[in-house]
Amino acid sequence: MRLVEKPKSPKYIQLASQLEFSRLVAALERTPRVSFQHEHDGKKILSIQMDLLKARPVIYYVPLDKNGHYLSYGFKNGKEESIIVDAVSESTKLYSPIVKIKELPPSLRQYQDEQLEKYELLELEDLASLAKISYGYDEAPFPLFSFPHKDKWLIGVFMNFNEDGPSYFCHVALDSEPTQPFLKYAMYTSNVPVFTDNLNDHGYSYIKIIKLIETHPLIHYE
């Protein structure tokens, strides 16, 4: 009989901005994901769980700067825009419903835990390999996470190839910070993937990039 692992205290990881959070929950999604509003470390935040690492919820969040019922995401004059609003009003925008949690149960509160399981680093040769593996298991690609580490910027996708095995951060090391929010990739040509802020070029696939405010804390870097 297989033993079920006991749920562990979640790990909360802060994104670089509300715009990064909006892109995570809404951009390139058929239906935007639900955002949860609650308190964390004495402050109101918006959060979403994106992974389960050895029974530990991995939750990404941003501080809440305004109350409202929906997180609106879209483009204005060719640039991304993220606003918290009270009603759905524009057909060209995507809206993530904000569910307000009065009080978190103990299972969703972060506690100090020195025995943190971590992702293993798996470095890929190029961005084409990263794009391929991001598309490898679903119709919609997994988001790419990016953050500074020493003198590099890492960009990659979190994956588990075997439910009972280790989880990996499949990544590419960049010499500088990616300044565009998407990776443009042509699946049926040999074109090299490029970073872009434009989703209107036909014949390409796009993968969203989400920046953290600091180095990801759940990765073995040694």
N, C-alpha and C. Protein backbone atom coordinates (compact mmCIF):
# COMPACT_ATOMS: atom_id res chain seq x y z
N MET A 1 0.85 -1.20 0.00
CA MET A 1 0.00 0.00 0.00
C MET A 1 0.88 1.24 0.00
N ARG A 2 0.56 2.19 -0.86
CA ARG A 2 1.36 3.40 -0.98
C ARG A 2 0.99 4.38 0.13
N LEU A 3 2.02 4.92 0.78
CA LEU A 3 1.79 5.90 1.84
C LEU A 3 1.63 7.29 1.23
N VAL A 4 0.65 8.02 1.70
CA VAL A 4 0.42 9.38 1.24
C VAL A 4 1.21 10.34 2.12
N GLU A 5 2.01 11.23 1.46
CA GLU A 5 2.82 12.16 2.24
C GLU A 5 1.93 13.17 2.96
N LYS A 6 2.31 13.47 4.18
CA LYS A 6 1.58 14.46 4.96
C LYS A 6 1.81 15.85 4.35
N PRO A 7 0.75 16.64 4.19
CA PRO A 7 0.93 17.99 3.65
C PRO A 7 1.91 18.80 4.50
N LYS A 8 2.69 19.63 3.83
CA LYS A 8 3.70 20.44 4.50
C LYS A 8 3.38 21.92 4.39
N SER A 9 4.01 22.70 5.24
CA SER A 9 3.81 24.14 5.22
C SER A 9 4.18 24.71 3.86
N PRO A 10 3.35 25.57 3.28
CA PRO A 10 3.65 26.12 1.96
C PRO A 10 4.84 27.08 2.00
N LYS A 11 5.42 27.28 0.84
CA LYS A 11 6.48 28.27 0.68
C LYS A 11 5.96 29.39 -0.21
N TYR A 12 5.99 30.63 0.28
CA TYR A 12 5.53 31.79 -0.46
C TYR A 12 6.72 32.48 -1.11
N ILE A 13 6.61 32.75 -2.41
CA ILE A 13 7.70 33.33 -3.18
C ILE A 13 7.18 34.58 -3.89
N GLN A 14 7.85 35.71 -3.67
CA GLN A 14 7.35 36.98 -4.18
C GLN A 14 7.79 37.24 -5.62
N LEU A 15 6.84 37.69 -6.43
CA LEU A 15 7.14 38.11 -7.79
C LEU A 15 7.58 39.57 -7.80
N ALA A 16 8.14 39.99 -8.93
CA ALA A 16 8.74 41.32 -9.01
C ALA A 16 7.72 42.46 -8.99
N SER A 17 6.48 42.20 -9.44
CA SER A 17 5.49 43.28 -9.51
C SER A 17 4.11 42.69 -9.73
N GLN A 18 3.10 43.55 -9.62
CA GLN A 18 1.72 43.13 -9.91
C GLN A 18 1.57 42.76 -11.38
N LEU A 19 2.30 43.43 -12.26
CA LEU A 19 2.24 43.10 -13.68
C LEU A 19 2.73 41.68 -13.93
N GLU A 20 3.79 41.26 -13.25
CA GLU A 20 4.28 39.88 -13.39
C GLU A 20 3.22 38.89 -12.91
N PHE A 21 2.55 39.21 -11.81
CA PHE A 21 1.49 38.34 -11.28
C PHE A 21 0.33 38.27 -12.27
N SER A 22 -0.05 39.41 -12.85
CA SER A 22 -1.15 39.44 -13.82
C SER A 22 -0.82 38.59 -15.03
N ARG A 23 0.42 38.70 -15.50
CA ARG A 23 0.82 37.89 -16.64
C ARG A 23 0.75 36.40 -16.30
N LEU A 24 1.14 36.06 -15.09
CA LEU A 24 1.11 34.66 -14.65
C LEU A 24 -0.30 34.09 -14.66
N VAL A 25 -1.27 34.84 -14.14
CA VAL A 25 -2.62 34.30 -14.00
C VAL A 25 -3.49 34.50 -15.24
N ALA A 26 -3.09 35.41 -16.15
CA ALA A 26 -4.00 35.74 -17.25
C ALA A 26 -3.42 35.58 -18.65
N ALA A 27 -2.18 35.99 -18.87
CA ALA A 27 -1.64 36.02 -20.24
C ALA A 27 -1.61 34.63 -20.86
N LEU A 28 -2.07 34.53 -22.10
CA LEU A 28 -2.04 33.30 -22.90
C LEU A 28 -2.88 32.17 -22.30
N GLU A 29 -3.74 32.49 -21.33
CA GLU A 29 -4.62 31.49 -20.73
C GLU A 29 -5.98 31.50 -21.44
N ARG A 30 -6.54 30.32 -21.68
CA ARG A 30 -7.89 30.26 -22.25
C ARG A 30 -8.89 30.89 -21.28
N THR A 31 -8.74 30.56 -20.02
CA THR A 31 -9.53 31.16 -18.96
C THR A 31 -8.57 31.60 -17.87
N PRO A 32 -8.56 32.89 -17.49
CA PRO A 32 -7.63 33.34 -16.46
C PRO A 32 -7.80 32.55 -15.16
N ARG A 33 -6.70 32.33 -14.49
CA ARG A 33 -6.73 31.63 -13.21
C ARG A 33 -7.31 32.54 -12.14
N VAL A 34 -7.80 31.93 -11.07
CA VAL A 34 -8.34 32.69 -9.94
C VAL A 34 -7.19 33.20 -9.08
N SER A 35 -7.28 34.47 -8.65
CA SER A 35 -6.32 35.06 -7.71
C SER A 35 -6.93 35.05 -6.32
N PHE A 36 -6.11 34.74 -5.31
CA PHE A 36 -6.61 34.70 -3.94
C PHE A 36 -6.02 35.86 -3.14
N GLN A 37 -6.91 36.56 -2.45
CA GLN A 37 -6.50 37.68 -1.61
C GLN A 37 -6.57 37.26 -0.14
N HIS A 38 -5.49 37.46 0.57
CA HIS A 38 -5.46 37.13 1.99
C HIS A 38 -4.25 37.78 2.64
N GLU A 39 -4.08 37.57 3.93
CA GLU A 39 -2.94 38.14 4.65
C GLU A 39 -1.77 37.16 4.67
N HIS A 40 -0.57 37.72 4.57
CA HIS A 40 0.67 36.93 4.69
C HIS A 40 1.72 37.85 5.30
N ASP A 41 2.30 37.42 6.40
CA ASP A 41 3.28 38.23 7.13
C ASP A 41 2.72 39.61 7.48
N GLY A 42 1.45 39.64 7.83
CA GLY A 42 0.84 40.89 8.28
C GLY A 42 0.42 41.84 7.17
N LYS A 43 0.54 41.42 5.91
CA LYS A 43 0.17 42.27 4.79
C LYS A 43 -0.81 41.55 3.88
N LYS A 44 -1.66 42.33 3.21
CA LYS A 44 -2.57 41.75 2.23
C LYS A 44 -1.82 41.46 0.94
N ILE A 45 -2.08 40.29 0.37
CA ILE A 45 -1.40 39.89 -0.86
C ILE A 45 -2.40 39.27 -1.84
N LEU A 46 -1.97 39.14 -3.09
CA LEU A 46 -2.63 38.29 -4.07
C LEU A 46 -1.73 37.09 -4.28
N SER A 47 -2.30 35.88 -4.32
CA SER A 47 -1.47 34.69 -4.42
C SER A 47 -2.09 33.65 -5.34
N ILE A 48 -1.24 32.72 -5.80
CA ILE A 48 -1.68 31.58 -6.58
C ILE A 48 -0.70 30.44 -6.38
N GLN A 49 -1.22 29.24 -6.16
CA GLN A 49 -0.36 28.07 -6.05
C GLN A 49 -0.05 27.55 -7.44
N MET A 50 1.27 27.33 -7.73
CA MET A 50 1.69 26.90 -9.06
C MET A 50 2.35 25.54 -9.08
N ASP A 51 2.66 24.99 -7.91
CA ASP A 51 3.34 23.70 -7.91
C ASP A 51 3.16 23.05 -6.55
N LEU A 52 3.50 21.75 -6.51
CA LEU A 52 3.51 20.98 -5.28
C LEU A 52 4.84 20.24 -5.26
N LEU A 53 5.74 20.64 -4.37
CA LEU A 53 7.09 20.07 -4.32
C LEU A 53 7.19 19.14 -3.12
N LYS A 54 7.12 17.82 -3.41
CA LYS A 54 7.17 16.83 -2.33
C LYS A 54 6.15 17.16 -1.24
N ALA A 55 4.90 17.36 -1.65
CA ALA A 55 3.76 17.65 -0.76
C ALA A 55 3.81 19.05 -0.17
N ARG A 56 4.73 19.90 -0.62
CA ARG A 56 4.78 21.27 -0.13
C ARG A 56 4.23 22.22 -1.19
N PRO A 57 3.14 22.96 -0.92
CA PRO A 57 2.62 23.92 -1.89
C PRO A 57 3.64 25.03 -2.16
N VAL A 58 3.83 25.34 -3.43
CA VAL A 58 4.70 26.44 -3.84
C VAL A 58 3.77 27.55 -4.35
N ILE A 59 3.74 28.65 -3.62
CA ILE A 59 2.77 29.71 -3.87
C ILE A 59 3.51 31.00 -4.24
N TYR A 60 3.08 31.62 -5.34
CA TYR A 60 3.67 32.89 -5.78
C TYR A 60 2.70 34.02 -5.44
N TYR A 61 3.27 35.18 -5.08
CA TYR A 61 2.41 36.26 -4.61
C TYR A 61 3.01 37.64 -4.90
N VAL A 62 2.15 38.65 -4.76
CA VAL A 62 2.58 40.06 -4.77
C VAL A 62 1.78 40.79 -3.70
N PRO A 63 2.36 41.84 -3.09
CA PRO A 63 1.59 42.66 -2.16
C PRO A 63 0.42 43.32 -2.87
N LEU A 64 -0.69 43.45 -2.17
CA LEU A 64 -1.90 44.06 -2.73
C LEU A 64 -1.83 45.57 -2.53
N ASP A 65 -1.99 46.33 -3.63
CA ASP A 65 -1.92 47.79 -3.49
C ASP A 65 -3.28 48.47 -3.61
N LYS A 66 -4.33 47.68 -3.94
CA LYS A 66 -5.66 48.26 -4.09
C LYS A 66 -6.70 47.16 -3.97
N ASN A 67 -7.82 47.45 -3.36
CA ASN A 67 -8.91 46.48 -3.26
C ASN A 67 -9.76 46.49 -4.52
N GLY A 68 -10.34 45.34 -4.84
CA GLY A 68 -11.21 45.24 -5.99
C GLY A 68 -11.66 43.80 -6.18
N HIS A 69 -12.44 43.55 -7.22
CA HIS A 69 -13.01 42.23 -7.44
C HIS A 69 -12.35 41.46 -8.58
N TYR A 70 -11.62 42.16 -9.47
CA TYR A 70 -10.99 41.50 -10.60
C TYR A 70 -9.61 42.12 -10.86
N LEU A 71 -8.71 41.27 -11.32
CA LEU A 71 -7.40 41.74 -11.77
C LEU A 71 -7.45 41.76 -13.29
N SER A 72 -7.40 42.95 -13.86
CA SER A 72 -7.52 43.13 -15.31
C SER A 72 -6.14 43.12 -15.94
N TYR A 73 -6.02 42.37 -17.06
CA TYR A 73 -4.75 42.30 -17.79
C TYR A 73 -5.02 42.47 -19.28
N GLY A 74 -4.21 43.29 -19.92
CA GLY A 74 -4.36 43.48 -21.35
C GLY A 74 -3.26 44.39 -21.87
N PHE A 75 -3.45 44.88 -23.10
CA PHE A 75 -2.46 45.75 -23.73
C PHE A 75 -3.09 47.11 -24.03
N LYS A 76 -2.30 48.15 -23.81
CA LYS A 76 -2.72 49.51 -24.12
C LYS A 76 -1.56 50.20 -24.83
N ASN A 77 -1.83 50.65 -26.05
CA ASN A 77 -0.78 51.26 -26.87
C ASN A 77 0.43 50.35 -27.02
N GLY A 78 0.15 49.04 -27.14
CA GLY A 78 1.22 48.09 -27.37
C GLY A 78 1.98 47.66 -26.13
N LYS A 79 1.58 48.14 -24.97
CA LYS A 79 2.25 47.80 -23.72
C LYS A 79 1.30 47.07 -22.77
N GLU A 80 1.84 46.15 -22.01
CA GLU A 80 1.02 45.44 -21.02
C GLU A 80 0.47 46.40 -19.97
N GLU A 81 -0.73 46.07 -19.49
CA GLU A 81 -1.35 46.89 -18.45
C GLU A 81 -2.05 45.98 -17.44
N SER A 82 -1.86 46.27 -16.18
CA SER A 82 -2.49 45.51 -15.10
C SER A 82 -3.17 46.46 -14.13
N ILE A 83 -4.48 46.25 -13.93
CA ILE A 83 -5.26 47.13 -13.04
C ILE A 83 -6.23 46.28 -12.23
N ILE A 84 -6.42 46.63 -10.98
CA ILE A 84 -7.46 46.00 -10.16
C ILE A 84 -8.74 46.81 -10.30
N VAL A 85 -9.83 46.13 -10.69
CA VAL A 85 -11.09 46.81 -10.97
C VAL A 85 -12.23 46.13 -10.22
N ASP A 86 -13.40 46.76 -10.25
CA ASP A 86 -14.56 46.22 -9.54
C ASP A 86 -15.52 45.46 -10.45
N ALA A 87 -15.35 45.60 -11.77
CA ALA A 87 -16.29 44.93 -12.68
C ALA A 87 -15.59 44.62 -14.00
N VAL A 88 -16.10 43.59 -14.68
CA VAL A 88 -15.63 43.25 -16.02
C VAL A 88 -16.28 44.22 -17.00
N SER A 89 -15.47 44.95 -17.78
CA SER A 89 -16.05 46.00 -18.61
C SER A 89 -15.53 46.03 -20.04
N GLU A 90 -14.35 45.46 -20.32
CA GLU A 90 -13.77 45.57 -21.66
C GLU A 90 -13.53 44.17 -22.23
N SER A 91 -14.04 43.93 -23.42
CA SER A 91 -13.93 42.61 -24.04
C SER A 91 -12.51 42.30 -24.48
N THR A 92 -11.68 43.32 -24.62
CA THR A 92 -10.30 43.10 -25.06
C THR A 92 -9.37 42.75 -23.90
N LYS A 93 -9.86 42.81 -22.69
CA LYS A 93 -9.03 42.52 -21.52
C LYS A 93 -9.35 41.13 -20.97
N LEU A 94 -8.41 40.56 -20.24
CA LEU A 94 -8.61 39.32 -19.50
C LEU A 94 -8.76 39.66 -18.03
N TYR A 95 -9.67 38.93 -17.34
CA TYR A 95 -9.97 39.26 -15.95
C TYR A 95 -9.80 38.04 -15.06
N SER A 96 -8.93 38.16 -14.09
CA SER A 96 -8.76 37.12 -13.08
C SER A 96 -9.65 37.46 -11.89
N PRO A 97 -10.63 36.60 -11.55
CA PRO A 97 -11.47 36.87 -10.38
C PRO A 97 -10.63 36.85 -9.09
N ILE A 98 -10.87 37.81 -8.22
CA ILE A 98 -10.16 37.86 -6.94
C ILE A 98 -11.06 37.28 -5.86
N VAL A 99 -10.64 36.16 -5.30
CA VAL A 99 -11.39 35.52 -4.21
C VAL A 99 -10.76 35.92 -2.89
N LYS A 100 -11.56 36.52 -2.04
CA LYS A 100 -11.04 37.07 -0.78
C LYS A 100 -11.21 36.06 0.35
N ILE A 101 -10.10 35.64 0.92
CA ILE A 101 -10.11 34.67 2.02
C ILE A 101 -10.03 35.43 3.34
N LYS A 102 -11.02 35.18 4.19
CA LYS A 102 -11.08 35.90 5.46
C LYS A 102 -9.92 35.50 6.37
N GLU A 103 -9.69 34.20 6.48
CA GLU A 103 -8.60 33.71 7.34
C GLU A 103 -8.08 32.40 6.77
N LEU A 104 -6.76 32.30 6.63
CA LEU A 104 -6.17 31.09 6.08
C LEU A 104 -6.22 29.94 7.09
N PRO A 105 -6.49 28.72 6.63
CA PRO A 105 -6.36 27.56 7.50
C PRO A 105 -4.88 27.30 7.77
N PRO A 106 -4.55 26.57 8.83
CA PRO A 106 -3.14 26.30 9.14
C PRO A 106 -2.36 25.69 7.99
N SER A 107 -3.02 24.88 7.14
CA SER A 107 -2.33 24.21 6.05
C SER A 107 -1.83 25.17 4.98
N LEU A 108 -2.33 26.42 4.95
CA LEU A 108 -1.90 27.40 3.96
C LEU A 108 -1.07 28.52 4.56
N ARG A 109 -0.68 28.36 5.82
CA ARG A 109 0.19 29.35 6.46
C ARG A 109 1.63 28.88 6.41
N GLN A 110 2.53 29.83 6.18
CA GLN A 110 3.95 29.47 6.08
C GLN A 110 4.59 29.49 7.46
N TYR A 111 5.26 28.39 7.78
CA TYR A 111 5.99 28.27 9.04
C TYR A 111 7.45 28.01 8.75
N GLN A 112 8.31 28.32 9.71
CA GLN A 112 9.73 28.03 9.55
C GLN A 112 9.95 26.53 9.47
N ASP A 113 10.69 26.12 8.47
CA ASP A 113 10.97 24.69 8.28
C ASP A 113 12.35 24.56 7.66
N GLU A 114 13.29 24.03 8.42
CA GLU A 114 14.66 23.94 7.93
C GLU A 114 14.82 22.81 6.91
N GLN A 115 13.92 21.86 6.90
CA GLN A 115 14.02 20.72 5.97
C GLN A 115 13.24 21.00 4.69
N LEU A 116 13.68 22.02 3.95
CA LEU A 116 13.00 22.38 2.72
C LEU A 116 13.50 21.54 1.56
N GLU A 117 12.60 20.82 0.91
CA GLU A 117 12.96 20.11 -0.31
C GLU A 117 13.21 21.15 -1.40
N LYS A 118 14.10 20.82 -2.32
CA LYS A 118 14.46 21.80 -3.36
C LYS A 118 14.49 21.16 -4.74
N TYR A 119 14.34 22.02 -5.75
CA TYR A 119 14.46 21.60 -7.13
C TYR A 119 15.94 21.39 -7.46
N GLU A 120 16.21 20.43 -8.31
CA GLU A 120 17.55 20.22 -8.82
C GLU A 120 17.74 21.07 -10.08
N LEU A 121 18.95 21.60 -10.27
CA LEU A 121 19.25 22.36 -11.48
C LEU A 121 19.50 21.42 -12.65
N LEU A 122 18.88 21.70 -13.78
CA LEU A 122 19.12 20.94 -15.00
C LEU A 122 19.32 21.99 -16.10
N GLU A 123 20.57 22.21 -16.48
CA GLU A 123 20.87 23.27 -17.44
C GLU A 123 20.73 22.76 -18.88
N LEU A 124 20.03 23.53 -19.70
CA LEU A 124 19.85 23.21 -21.10
C LEU A 124 20.84 24.01 -21.96
N GLU A 125 21.02 23.56 -23.18
CA GLU A 125 22.03 24.18 -24.03
C GLU A 125 21.59 25.51 -24.61
N ASP A 126 20.28 25.66 -24.92
CA ASP A 126 19.85 26.88 -25.59
C ASP A 126 18.37 27.13 -25.36
N LEU A 127 17.92 28.31 -25.82
CA LEU A 127 16.51 28.70 -25.64
C LEU A 127 15.57 27.82 -26.46
N ALA A 128 16.04 27.28 -27.58
CA ALA A 128 15.20 26.38 -28.36
C ALA A 128 14.85 25.13 -27.56
N SER A 129 15.83 24.59 -26.84
CA SER A 129 15.57 23.42 -25.99
C SER A 129 14.60 23.77 -24.88
N LEU A 130 14.74 24.97 -24.31
CA LEU A 130 13.83 25.41 -23.25
C LEU A 130 12.41 25.54 -23.78
N ALA A 131 12.26 26.11 -24.97
CA ALA A 131 10.92 26.25 -25.56
C ALA A 131 10.29 24.89 -25.81
N LYS A 132 11.08 23.96 -26.31
CA LYS A 132 10.55 22.62 -26.61
C LYS A 132 10.07 21.92 -25.36
N ILE A 133 10.85 22.00 -24.27
CA ILE A 133 10.46 21.28 -23.06
C ILE A 133 9.29 21.97 -22.37
N SER A 134 9.17 23.26 -22.55
CA SER A 134 8.03 23.98 -21.98
C SER A 134 6.73 23.56 -22.64
N TYR A 135 6.80 23.20 -23.92
CA TYR A 135 5.62 22.76 -24.66
C TYR A 135 5.42 21.25 -24.60
N GLY A 136 6.32 20.55 -23.92
CA GLY A 136 6.36 19.11 -24.07
C GLY A 136 5.20 18.32 -23.53
N TYR A 137 4.42 18.83 -22.56
CA TYR A 137 3.46 17.99 -21.88
C TYR A 137 2.02 18.53 -21.88
N ASP A 138 1.79 19.64 -22.58
CA ASP A 138 0.46 20.22 -22.53
C ASP A 138 0.23 21.07 -23.77
N GLU A 139 -1.04 21.38 -24.05
CA GLU A 139 -1.34 22.26 -25.16
C GLU A 139 -0.82 23.66 -24.90
N ALA A 140 -1.01 24.14 -23.69
CA ALA A 140 -0.50 25.45 -23.32
C ALA A 140 0.87 25.27 -22.65
N PRO A 141 1.85 26.08 -23.03
CA PRO A 141 3.18 25.92 -22.43
C PRO A 141 3.20 26.32 -20.97
N PHE A 142 4.10 25.70 -20.22
CA PHE A 142 4.31 26.12 -18.84
C PHE A 142 4.97 27.49 -18.83
N PRO A 143 4.66 28.35 -17.86
CA PRO A 143 5.34 29.64 -17.79
C PRO A 143 6.82 29.47 -17.47
N LEU A 144 7.61 30.40 -17.96
CA LEU A 144 9.04 30.44 -17.66
C LEU A 144 9.26 31.41 -16.50
N PHE A 145 10.05 31.01 -15.53
CA PHE A 145 10.38 31.89 -14.41
C PHE A 145 11.82 32.37 -14.57
N SER A 146 12.05 33.64 -14.25
CA SER A 146 13.38 34.21 -14.41
C SER A 146 13.76 35.01 -13.16
N PHE A 147 15.05 34.95 -12.81
CA PHE A 147 15.52 35.63 -11.60
C PHE A 147 17.05 35.71 -11.64
N PRO A 148 17.61 36.64 -10.88
CA PRO A 148 19.07 36.77 -10.85
C PRO A 148 19.70 35.70 -9.98
N HIS A 149 20.89 35.25 -10.39
CA HIS A 149 21.70 34.35 -9.57
C HIS A 149 23.17 34.64 -9.84
N LYS A 150 23.84 35.15 -8.82
CA LYS A 150 25.23 35.60 -8.95
C LYS A 150 25.32 36.62 -10.09
N ASP A 151 26.15 36.37 -11.11
CA ASP A 151 26.30 37.34 -12.19
C ASP A 151 25.47 36.99 -13.42
N LYS A 152 24.51 36.07 -13.27
CA LYS A 152 23.69 35.63 -14.39
C LYS A 152 22.20 35.84 -14.08
N TRP A 153 21.40 35.71 -15.13
CA TRP A 153 19.96 35.59 -14.98
C TRP A 153 19.57 34.20 -15.45
N LEU A 154 18.86 33.46 -14.61
CA LEU A 154 18.38 32.14 -14.99
C LEU A 154 16.95 32.25 -15.49
N ILE A 155 16.62 31.51 -16.52
CA ILE A 155 15.26 31.46 -17.04
C ILE A 155 14.93 30.00 -17.32
N GLY A 156 13.79 29.54 -16.81
CA GLY A 156 13.50 28.12 -16.99
C GLY A 156 12.11 27.74 -16.54
N VAL A 157 11.87 26.43 -16.57
CA VAL A 157 10.57 25.87 -16.25
C VAL A 157 10.75 24.78 -15.19
N PHE A 158 9.81 24.69 -14.26
CA PHE A 158 9.85 23.68 -13.21
C PHE A 158 9.14 22.43 -13.69
N MET A 159 9.81 21.27 -13.55
CA MET A 159 9.26 20.02 -14.07
C MET A 159 9.56 18.85 -13.17
N ASN A 160 8.66 17.88 -13.23
CA ASN A 160 8.84 16.61 -12.55
C ASN A 160 8.58 15.52 -13.58
N PHE A 161 9.62 14.77 -13.94
CA PHE A 161 9.48 13.74 -14.97
C PHE A 161 8.90 12.45 -14.42
N ASN A 162 8.96 12.30 -13.11
CA ASN A 162 8.47 11.11 -12.43
C ASN A 162 7.86 11.54 -11.12
N GLU A 163 6.62 11.16 -10.89
CA GLU A 163 5.89 11.64 -9.70
C GLU A 163 6.64 11.35 -8.41
N ASP A 164 7.37 10.25 -8.37
CA ASP A 164 8.07 9.88 -7.14
C ASP A 164 9.52 10.33 -7.14
N GLY A 165 9.98 10.91 -8.24
CA GLY A 165 11.37 11.31 -8.35
C GLY A 165 11.58 12.78 -8.02
N PRO A 166 12.81 13.26 -8.24
CA PRO A 166 13.12 14.66 -7.96
C PRO A 166 12.44 15.61 -8.94
N SER A 167 12.26 16.84 -8.53
CA SER A 167 11.76 17.89 -9.42
C SER A 167 12.94 18.73 -9.88
N TYR A 168 12.82 19.28 -11.09
CA TYR A 168 13.94 19.99 -11.70
C TYR A 168 13.55 21.40 -12.12
N PHE A 169 14.55 22.28 -12.12
CA PHE A 169 14.41 23.58 -12.77
C PHE A 169 15.23 23.50 -14.05
N CYS A 170 14.53 23.25 -15.16
CA CYS A 170 15.18 23.13 -16.47
C CYS A 170 15.39 24.54 -17.00
N HIS A 171 16.64 24.95 -17.18
CA HIS A 171 16.91 26.37 -17.37
C HIS A 171 18.04 26.65 -18.36
N VAL A 172 18.12 27.91 -18.72
CA VAL A 172 19.23 28.45 -19.50
C VAL A 172 19.77 29.65 -18.71
N ALA A 173 21.09 29.80 -18.68
CA ALA A 173 21.72 30.93 -18.00
C ALA A 173 21.96 32.05 -19.00
N LEU A 174 21.48 33.25 -18.68
CA LEU A 174 21.64 34.41 -19.55
C LEU A 174 22.67 35.37 -18.95
N ASP A 175 23.33 36.13 -19.82
CA ASP A 175 24.32 37.11 -19.34
C ASP A 175 23.66 38.36 -18.79
N SER A 176 22.39 38.61 -19.15
CA SER A 176 21.70 39.81 -18.69
C SER A 176 20.23 39.53 -18.49
N GLU A 177 19.56 40.42 -17.82
CA GLU A 177 18.13 40.29 -17.53
C GLU A 177 17.30 40.32 -18.81
N PRO A 178 16.37 39.38 -18.98
CA PRO A 178 15.46 39.47 -20.14
C PRO A 178 14.53 40.67 -19.97
N THR A 179 14.51 41.55 -20.95
CA THR A 179 13.75 42.80 -20.83
C THR A 179 12.37 42.72 -21.44
N GLN A 180 12.05 41.62 -22.13
CA GLN A 180 10.74 41.46 -22.76
C GLN A 180 9.96 40.37 -22.03
N PRO A 181 8.62 40.44 -22.02
CA PRO A 181 7.81 39.54 -21.19
C PRO A 181 7.45 38.19 -21.82
N PHE A 182 7.83 37.96 -23.08
CA PHE A 182 7.47 36.71 -23.74
C PHE A 182 8.64 36.16 -24.55
N LEU A 183 8.64 34.84 -24.72
CA LEU A 183 9.59 34.18 -25.62
C LEU A 183 8.82 33.74 -26.85
N LYS A 184 9.25 34.22 -28.03
CA LYS A 184 8.60 33.89 -29.30
C LYS A 184 9.33 32.72 -29.94
N TYR A 185 8.56 31.70 -30.34
CA TYR A 185 9.16 30.46 -30.80
C TYR A 185 8.38 29.90 -31.98
N ALA A 186 9.10 29.58 -33.07
CA ALA A 186 8.47 28.99 -34.24
C ALA A 186 8.66 27.48 -34.19
N MET A 187 7.58 26.73 -34.00
CA MET A 187 7.66 25.29 -33.81
C MET A 187 7.98 24.54 -35.11
N TYR A 188 7.70 25.15 -36.25
CA TYR A 188 7.83 24.43 -37.51
C TYR A 188 8.95 24.99 -38.40
N THR A 189 9.82 25.81 -37.84
CA THR A 189 10.98 26.32 -38.57
C THR A 189 12.20 26.21 -37.66
N SER A 190 13.35 26.52 -38.23
CA SER A 190 14.59 26.47 -37.45
C SER A 190 14.96 27.82 -36.86
N ASN A 191 14.01 28.77 -36.87
CA ASN A 191 14.30 30.10 -36.32
C ASN A 191 14.64 30.01 -34.83
N VAL A 192 15.61 30.81 -34.43
CA VAL A 192 16.03 30.84 -33.02
C VAL A 192 14.97 31.60 -32.21
N PRO A 193 14.55 31.09 -31.04
CA PRO A 193 13.60 31.82 -30.21
C PRO A 193 14.15 33.19 -29.81
N VAL A 194 13.26 34.17 -29.71
CA VAL A 194 13.67 35.53 -29.34
C VAL A 194 12.70 36.07 -28.29
N PHE A 195 13.18 37.02 -27.50
CA PHE A 195 12.34 37.69 -26.52
C PHE A 195 11.55 38.80 -27.22
N THR A 196 10.29 38.97 -26.81
CA THR A 196 9.44 39.96 -27.47
C THR A 196 8.37 40.48 -26.51
N ASP A 197 7.80 41.65 -26.87
CA ASP A 197 6.63 42.16 -26.16
C ASP A 197 5.41 42.22 -27.08
N ASN A 198 5.54 41.60 -28.26
CA ASN A 198 4.49 41.64 -29.28
C ASN A 198 3.96 40.23 -29.52
N LEU A 199 2.64 40.06 -29.35
CA LEU A 199 2.01 38.75 -29.54
C LEU A 199 1.28 38.63 -30.87
N ASN A 200 1.52 39.55 -31.78
CA ASN A 200 0.70 39.63 -32.99
C ASN A 200 1.35 39.03 -34.23
N ASP A 201 2.57 38.52 -34.12
CA ASP A 201 3.21 37.92 -35.29
C ASP A 201 2.64 36.52 -35.52
N HIS A 202 2.09 36.28 -36.70
CA HIS A 202 1.46 35.00 -37.01
C HIS A 202 2.51 33.93 -37.30
N GLY A 203 2.16 32.69 -37.00
CA GLY A 203 3.06 31.58 -37.26
C GLY A 203 4.01 31.28 -36.13
N TYR A 204 3.84 31.97 -35.01
CA TYR A 204 4.72 31.76 -33.87
C TYR A 204 3.92 31.31 -32.65
N SER A 205 4.60 30.64 -31.75
CA SER A 205 4.05 30.33 -30.43
C SER A 205 4.73 31.24 -29.40
N TYR A 206 4.04 31.48 -28.30
CA TYR A 206 4.56 32.40 -27.29
C TYR A 206 4.52 31.75 -25.92
N ILE A 207 5.55 32.03 -25.13
CA ILE A 207 5.65 31.53 -23.77
C ILE A 207 5.85 32.72 -22.85
N LYS A 208 5.04 32.83 -21.80
CA LYS A 208 5.17 33.98 -20.91
C LYS A 208 6.33 33.79 -19.94
N ILE A 209 6.96 34.91 -19.59
CA ILE A 209 8.09 34.95 -18.67
C ILE A 209 7.67 35.69 -17.41
N ILE A 210 7.96 35.09 -16.25
CA ILE A 210 7.56 35.68 -14.97
C ILE A 210 8.82 35.93 -14.14
N LYS A 211 9.04 37.18 -13.75
CA LYS A 211 10.24 37.53 -12.97
C LYS A 211 9.95 37.52 -11.48
N LEU A 212 10.90 36.99 -10.73
CA LEU A 212 10.84 37.04 -9.27
C LEU A 212 11.53 38.30 -8.77
N ILE A 213 11.22 38.67 -7.54
CA ILE A 213 11.85 39.85 -6.97
C ILE A 213 13.29 39.57 -6.55
N GLU A 214 13.62 38.27 -6.34
CA GLU A 214 14.98 37.89 -5.97
C GLU A 214 15.21 36.43 -6.38
N THR A 215 16.39 35.92 -6.08
CA THR A 215 16.74 34.55 -6.43
C THR A 215 15.75 33.56 -5.83
N HIS A 216 15.36 32.57 -6.62
CA HIS A 216 14.39 31.58 -6.16
C HIS A 216 14.98 30.80 -4.97
N PRO A 217 14.22 30.70 -3.87
CA PRO A 217 14.77 30.09 -2.66
C PRO A 217 14.69 28.56 -2.60
N LEU A 218 14.04 27.91 -3.57
CA LEU A 218 13.80 26.47 -3.49
C LEU A 218 14.60 25.68 -4.53
N ILE A 219 15.81 26.12 -4.81
CA ILE A 219 16.64 25.45 -5.80
C ILE A 219 18.02 25.14 -5.21
N HIS A 220 18.53 23.93 -5.47
CA HIS A 220 19.90 23.59 -5.11
C HIS A 220 20.83 24.23 -6.14
N TYR A 221 21.62 25.22 -5.71
CA TYR A 221 22.50 25.92 -6.64
C TYR A 221 23.93 25.37 -6.63
N GLU A 222 24.25 24.53 -5.68
CA GLU A 222 25.63 24.02 -5.60
C GLU A 222 25.86 22.92 -6.63
